[in-house]
Amino acid sequence: MISRRLLSKSLGTRTFVSTPRSLFLQNIFGSKDSKTKDLIEKQDEYAVDPNSKILVLNEKNSPSHKPFDPETDIPGFQITQWKEKVVRPQDIEASVTKEMVADAINKAFEESHGSAISAEQYSSTTLGDLQKRFAFTKLVQQKLGFDIKDHTISRSHDVGYLYSSLQKQITHRWSSERNPNAIVLRPEDFEEQPNVYLNTEHSEQEQEKIFEDLKKQALAN
């Protein structure tokens, strides 16, 4: 009983009073809500000064933009073809032979390394010097007329690997995931399909012309 009385005496009574927030300061210069409503309702009536607009600069309207002019920007600049000939990827299989690859390798090796090489020495001839390897493979590309893949060059630690990789490349049927026209069809592809006939009478240029004519007819209908 004594402890309870002492506790009740020590604890005072607190009162919490909540008063509504005064809107005097908020409305001293007018109602904010009414101004916002006014702006929304009469937004089309306010005049807009075109000079006050923010101009976003780009290539076309920038005063400091100068169009590229090859004659003034790079006078005398010329692009020269470094390959002796140019063989398109779709023409490699039909125009490049194994003998041409071996001949290009032999000549390129002699020019880059200063010594002759034969087919029997391909596997035992290493390409450890990277500078000579890059110079050698560039000469091979220059003579063959088409590009060698970078991963092929990086893995060509000897001439034999490069030769076998090029053999696979020239016998591989052309294909390209980025080119929708990279489809090479041949009669032997349909030997087991008796109802399919592949017409190979027209050249590639004639086939393209026929295709364009058929496409125009399809679009017209």
Protein backbone atom coordinates (compact mmCIF):
# COMPACT_ATOMS: atom_id res chain seq x y z
CA MET A 1 0.00 0.00 0.00
CA ILE A 2 2.83 2.38 0.88
CA SER A 3 4.61 1.73 -2.39
CA ARG A 4 1.45 2.34 -4.40
CA ARG A 5 0.81 5.68 -2.68
CA LEU A 6 4.36 6.81 -3.22
CA LEU A 7 4.12 5.81 -6.87
CA SER A 8 0.86 7.66 -7.35
CA LYS A 9 2.29 10.80 -5.75
CA SER A 10 5.48 10.71 -7.80
CA LEU A 11 3.63 10.37 -11.11
CA GLY A 12 2.06 13.62 -12.17
CA THR A 13 -0.89 14.01 -14.48
CA ARG A 14 -0.10 15.15 -18.03
CA THR A 15 -2.65 16.48 -20.45
CA PHE A 16 -2.20 16.46 -24.23
CA VAL A 17 -4.03 19.16 -26.12
CA SER A 18 -4.24 19.16 -29.92
CA THR A 19 -5.12 22.43 -31.61
CA PRO A 20 -6.12 22.77 -35.24
CA ARG A 21 -3.40 24.12 -37.54
CA SER A 22 -3.82 27.76 -38.30
CA LEU A 23 -4.17 28.59 -41.98
CA PHE A 24 -3.53 32.30 -41.44
CA LEU A 25 0.04 32.26 -42.73
CA GLN A 26 -0.88 30.00 -45.62
CA ASN A 27 -3.66 32.26 -46.85
CA ILE A 28 -2.05 35.59 -46.00
CA PHE A 29 -1.24 36.16 -49.68
CA GLY A 30 -4.24 34.32 -51.03
CA SER A 31 -5.29 30.72 -51.33
CA LYS A 32 -2.68 28.48 -52.94
CA ASP A 33 -5.32 26.05 -54.12
CA SER A 34 -7.30 28.75 -55.90
CA LYS A 35 -4.19 30.01 -57.72
CA THR A 36 -3.33 26.53 -58.93
CA LYS A 37 -6.89 26.01 -60.10
CA ASP A 38 -6.78 29.37 -61.88
CA LEU A 39 -3.58 28.46 -63.71
CA ILE A 40 -4.97 25.13 -64.87
CA GLU A 41 -8.25 26.59 -66.12
CA LYS A 42 -6.71 29.59 -67.90
CA GLN A 43 -3.47 28.07 -69.13
CA ASP A 44 -4.40 28.56 -72.79
CA GLU A 45 -5.08 32.29 -72.26
CA TYR A 46 -1.59 33.16 -71.07
CA ALA A 47 0.69 34.60 -73.74
CA VAL A 48 3.96 32.76 -74.31
CA ASP A 49 7.06 34.69 -75.21
CA PRO A 50 8.95 32.69 -77.89
CA ASN A 51 12.24 34.24 -76.76
CA SER A 52 11.77 32.80 -73.29
CA LYS A 53 11.67 29.20 -74.51
CA ILE A 54 14.59 26.90 -73.78
CA LEU A 55 16.34 25.94 -77.00
CA VAL A 56 17.74 22.43 -77.08
CA LEU A 57 20.77 22.42 -79.37
CA ASN A 58 21.48 19.60 -81.76
CA GLU A 59 23.45 19.10 -84.97
CA LYS A 60 20.94 21.01 -87.11
CA ASN A 61 20.31 24.16 -85.03
CA SER A 62 23.65 24.54 -83.26
CA PRO A 63 25.40 27.76 -84.38
CA SER A 64 28.80 26.17 -83.84
CA HIS A 65 28.05 23.05 -85.89
CA LYS A 66 30.05 22.78 -89.08
CA PRO A 67 29.08 20.12 -91.65
CA PHE A 68 31.82 17.68 -92.55
CA ASP A 69 33.51 18.51 -95.84
CA PRO A 70 36.15 15.99 -97.00
CA GLU A 71 37.88 18.51 -99.28
CA THR A 72 38.49 21.05 -96.52
CA ASP A 73 38.65 18.80 -93.45
CA ILE A 74 40.93 16.07 -94.85
CA PRO A 75 42.45 17.40 -98.08
CA GLY A 76 44.34 14.83 -100.10
CA PHE A 77 43.00 11.91 -98.07
CA GLN A 78 42.57 8.73 -100.13
CA ILE A 79 41.51 5.20 -99.27
CA THR A 80 43.62 2.66 -101.11
CA GLN A 81 42.81 -1.02 -101.40
CA TRP A 82 45.56 -3.00 -99.71
CA LYS A 83 44.47 -6.36 -101.11
CA GLU A 84 45.67 -7.45 -104.52
CA LYS A 85 42.10 -8.53 -105.28
CA VAL A 86 38.79 -8.60 -103.43
CA VAL A 87 36.87 -11.84 -103.01
CA ARG A 88 33.41 -11.53 -101.48
CA PRO A 89 32.50 -13.98 -98.70
CA GLN A 90 29.83 -15.59 -100.88
CA ASP A 91 32.38 -16.15 -103.66
CA ILE A 92 35.18 -17.72 -101.59
CA GLU A 93 33.99 -21.31 -101.95
CA ALA A 94 33.62 -21.08 -105.72
CA SER A 95 36.73 -19.04 -106.56
CA VAL A 96 39.47 -20.05 -104.09
CA THR A 97 41.22 -23.43 -104.30
CA LYS A 98 43.58 -25.31 -101.98
CA GLU A 99 46.45 -24.68 -104.39
CA MET A 100 45.80 -20.93 -104.24
CA VAL A 101 45.92 -21.02 -100.44
CA ALA A 102 49.22 -22.92 -100.40
CA ASP A 103 50.73 -20.57 -102.99
CA ALA A 104 49.66 -17.50 -100.98
CA ILE A 105 51.11 -18.95 -97.78
CA ASN A 106 54.44 -19.81 -99.42
CA LYS A 107 54.86 -16.36 -100.98
CA ALA A 108 53.71 -14.50 -97.85
CA PHE A 109 56.07 -16.48 -95.61
CA GLU A 110 59.04 -15.80 -97.85
CA GLU A 111 58.26 -12.06 -97.91
CA SER A 112 57.72 -11.77 -94.15
CA HIS A 113 60.37 -14.19 -92.87
CA GLY A 114 62.93 -14.04 -95.67
CA SER A 115 63.07 -17.81 -96.24
CA ALA A 116 61.18 -20.27 -98.40
CA ILE A 117 58.74 -22.84 -97.02
CA SER A 118 57.06 -25.96 -98.41
CA ALA A 119 53.82 -27.72 -97.51
CA GLU A 120 55.76 -30.43 -95.68
CA GLN A 121 57.20 -27.80 -93.31
CA TYR A 122 53.88 -26.18 -92.33
CA SER A 123 53.31 -28.15 -89.12
CA SER A 124 56.88 -27.76 -87.87
CA THR A 125 57.16 -24.04 -88.66
CA THR A 126 56.13 -22.06 -85.59
CA LEU A 127 54.78 -18.51 -85.53
CA GLY A 128 55.87 -17.49 -82.04
CA ASP A 129 56.90 -13.96 -83.00
CA LEU A 130 53.60 -12.06 -82.94
CA GLN A 131 54.81 -9.16 -85.08
CA LYS A 132 55.99 -11.52 -87.79
CA ARG A 133 52.79 -13.57 -87.47
CA PHE A 134 50.62 -10.47 -88.01
CA ALA A 135 52.76 -9.36 -90.95
CA PHE A 136 52.64 -12.87 -92.41
CA THR A 137 48.85 -13.31 -92.08
CA LYS A 138 48.24 -9.82 -93.49
CA LEU A 139 50.23 -10.76 -96.58
CA VAL A 140 48.22 -13.99 -96.89
CA GLN A 141 44.99 -11.97 -96.78
CA GLN A 142 46.42 -9.52 -99.29
CA LYS A 143 47.15 -12.29 -101.77
CA LEU A 144 43.96 -14.32 -101.25
CA GLY A 145 41.65 -11.30 -101.30
CA PHE A 146 39.52 -12.07 -98.24
CA ASP A 147 39.79 -11.58 -94.49
CA ILE A 148 40.99 -14.20 -92.03
CA LYS A 149 39.10 -14.31 -88.74
CA ASP A 150 40.88 -12.81 -85.74
CA HIS A 151 40.53 -15.92 -83.60
CA THR A 152 42.13 -17.96 -86.40
CA ILE A 153 45.15 -15.65 -86.42
CA SER A 154 45.46 -15.69 -82.63
CA ARG A 155 45.40 -19.50 -82.55
CA SER A 156 47.81 -19.96 -85.45
CA HIS A 157 50.90 -20.86 -83.45
CA ASP A 158 52.26 -22.66 -86.51
CA VAL A 159 51.72 -22.45 -90.26
CA GLY A 160 50.01 -25.85 -90.31
CA TYR A 161 47.12 -24.62 -88.17
CA LEU A 162 46.63 -21.58 -90.39
CA TYR A 163 46.65 -23.73 -93.52
CA SER A 164 44.09 -26.22 -92.17
CA SER A 165 41.85 -23.37 -90.95
CA LEU A 166 41.93 -21.73 -94.37
CA GLN A 167 41.08 -25.07 -95.99
CA LYS A 168 37.94 -25.24 -93.87
CA GLN A 169 37.09 -21.63 -94.64
CA ILE A 170 37.27 -21.98 -98.41
CA THR A 171 35.18 -25.17 -98.43
CA HIS A 172 32.53 -23.84 -96.05
CA ARG A 173 29.21 -22.88 -97.60
CA TRP A 174 28.61 -19.16 -97.22
CA SER A 175 26.33 -18.12 -94.40
CA SER A 176 25.79 -14.98 -92.34
CA GLU A 177 23.47 -14.37 -89.41
CA ARG A 178 23.46 -10.63 -90.12
CA ASN A 179 22.60 -10.97 -93.80
CA PRO A 180 19.09 -12.28 -94.56
CA ASN A 181 20.18 -13.09 -98.12
CA ALA A 182 22.99 -15.38 -96.95
CA ILE A 183 21.17 -18.51 -98.04
CA VAL A 184 22.95 -20.82 -100.47
CA LEU A 185 20.75 -23.59 -101.84
CA ARG A 186 21.93 -26.41 -104.10
CA PRO A 187 20.19 -29.25 -105.92
CA GLU A 188 21.80 -31.89 -103.68
CA ASP A 189 20.05 -30.32 -100.69
CA PHE A 190 16.73 -31.57 -102.08
CA GLU A 191 17.71 -35.02 -103.31
CA GLU A 192 15.45 -36.66 -100.74
CA GLN A 193 12.56 -34.29 -101.54
CA PRO A 194 11.00 -35.52 -104.81
CA ASN A 195 8.45 -32.69 -104.92
CA VAL A 196 11.03 -29.88 -104.72
CA TYR A 197 12.94 -28.64 -107.75
CA LEU A 198 15.70 -26.03 -107.54
CA ASN A 199 16.11 -23.96 -110.69
CA THR A 200 19.76 -23.04 -111.22
CA GLU A 201 19.48 -21.80 -114.80
CA HIS A 202 19.73 -18.10 -113.87
CA SER A 203 22.84 -16.28 -112.70
CA GLU A 204 22.98 -14.48 -109.37
CA GLN A 205 22.25 -11.11 -111.00
CA GLU A 206 19.29 -12.55 -112.91
CA GLN A 207 17.95 -14.14 -109.74
CA GLU A 208 18.10 -10.79 -107.94
CA LYS A 209 16.21 -9.10 -110.78
CA ILE A 210 13.51 -11.80 -110.78
CA PHE A 211 13.23 -11.53 -107.01
CA GLU A 212 12.77 -7.74 -107.19
CA ASP A 213 10.07 -8.13 -109.86
CA LEU A 214 8.22 -10.70 -107.75
CA LYS A 215 8.50 -8.45 -104.70
CA LYS A 216 6.98 -5.51 -106.62
CA GLN A 217 4.11 -7.72 -107.79
CA ALA A 218 3.47 -8.91 -104.24
CA LEU A 219 3.44 -5.35 -102.88
CA ALA A 220 1.14 -4.17 -105.68
CA ASN A 221 -1.41 -6.86 -104.86
